[in-house]
Amino acid sequence: MKQVQIPQELFVQLVHYHLMEDDSYMDEIRIGLEKKLDAMVLHELYEKSKTAPTEAEREKSRKEYLDRKGMPDSFRW
């Protein structure tokens, strides 16, 4: 099983939310987890664009990665 690293601040907010039942961190936790999830998806797409078994799969992953990163078509190769 893979491990995921999160910023210490987000970890402390999660501790406050779950162990101390402090709901004041809900928005910050949601934003932090969404950012982490987006980063994980981008990393997975980048990895697939380099290691997929077929050229078509690599190209598809490369295009999706660049789309998510916001890279304009005119700047791509």
Protein backbone atom coordinates (compact mmCIF):
# COMPACT_ATOMS: atom_id res chain seq x y z
CA MET A 1 0.00 0.00 0.00
CA LYS A 2 1.30 3.44 -0.91
CA GLN A 3 1.70 6.17 1.66
CA VAL A 4 0.62 9.76 1.22
CA GLN A 5 2.34 12.74 2.78
CA ILE A 6 0.36 15.80 3.81
CA PRO A 7 1.52 19.12 5.24
CA GLN A 8 1.87 19.24 9.01
CA GLU A 9 -0.71 22.04 9.23
CA LEU A 10 -3.33 19.87 7.51
CA PHE A 11 -2.48 16.97 9.82
CA VAL A 12 -2.98 19.16 12.90
CA GLN A 13 -6.30 20.40 11.52
CA LEU A 14 -7.41 16.79 10.98
CA VAL A 15 -6.43 15.92 14.55
CA HIS A 16 -8.43 18.85 15.89
CA TYR A 17 -11.41 17.88 13.76
CA HIS A 18 -11.44 14.17 14.57
CA LEU A 19 -10.08 13.95 18.10
CA MET A 20 -11.24 17.23 19.57
CA GLU A 21 -14.44 17.44 17.53
CA ASP A 22 -13.58 21.00 16.45
CA ASP A 23 -15.63 21.80 13.31
CA SER A 24 -13.97 25.18 12.73
CA TYR A 25 -11.34 23.59 10.44
CA MET A 26 -13.75 21.93 8.00
CA ASP A 27 -13.20 24.37 5.12
CA GLU A 28 -9.41 24.33 5.46
CA ILE A 29 -9.40 20.53 5.63
CA ARG A 30 -11.59 20.25 2.54
CA ILE A 31 -9.37 22.63 0.57
CA GLY A 32 -6.17 20.89 1.71
CA LEU A 33 -7.46 17.43 0.86
CA GLU A 34 -8.72 18.57 -2.56
CA LYS A 35 -5.31 20.07 -3.34
CA LYS A 36 -3.61 16.85 -2.30
CA LEU A 37 -6.00 14.75 -4.38
CA ASP A 38 -5.39 16.95 -7.43
CA ALA A 39 -1.63 16.59 -6.96
CA MET A 40 -1.97 12.81 -6.69
CA VAL A 41 -4.05 12.63 -9.88
CA LEU A 42 -1.51 14.77 -11.74
CA HIS A 43 1.34 12.58 -10.52
CA GLU A 44 -0.47 9.42 -11.62
CA LEU A 45 -1.15 10.88 -15.08
CA TYR A 46 2.47 11.96 -15.45
CA GLU A 47 3.66 8.52 -14.39
CA LYS A 48 1.32 6.86 -16.91
CA SER A 49 2.51 9.21 -19.65
CA LYS A 50 6.02 7.85 -19.12
CA THR A 51 5.41 4.18 -18.31
CA ALA A 52 2.18 3.04 -20.03
CA PRO A 53 2.65 -0.15 -22.05
CA THR A 54 1.50 1.29 -25.38
CA GLU A 55 2.30 4.52 -27.19
CA ALA A 56 -1.42 5.34 -27.49
CA GLU A 57 -1.93 5.08 -23.72
CA ARG A 58 1.16 7.21 -23.07
CA GLU A 59 -0.06 9.89 -25.47
CA LYS A 60 -3.57 9.87 -23.97
CA SER A 61 -2.16 10.28 -20.45
CA ARG A 62 0.25 12.99 -21.62
CA LYS A 63 -2.60 15.00 -23.17
CA GLU A 64 -4.81 14.64 -20.09
CA TYR A 65 -1.91 15.67 -17.85
CA LEU A 66 -1.22 18.78 -19.93
CA ASP A 67 -4.94 19.63 -20.03
CA ARG A 68 -5.20 19.43 -16.23
CA LYS A 69 -2.04 21.52 -15.83
CA GLY A 70 -3.60 24.19 -18.07
CA MET A 71 -0.91 24.02 -20.75
CA PRO A 72 -2.17 25.78 -23.91
CA ASP A 73 -2.23 23.70 -27.11
CA SER A 74 0.00 26.21 -28.88
CA PHE A 75 2.78 25.55 -26.35
CA ARG A 76 2.73 21.78 -26.64
CA TRP A 77 4.92 19.62 -28.86
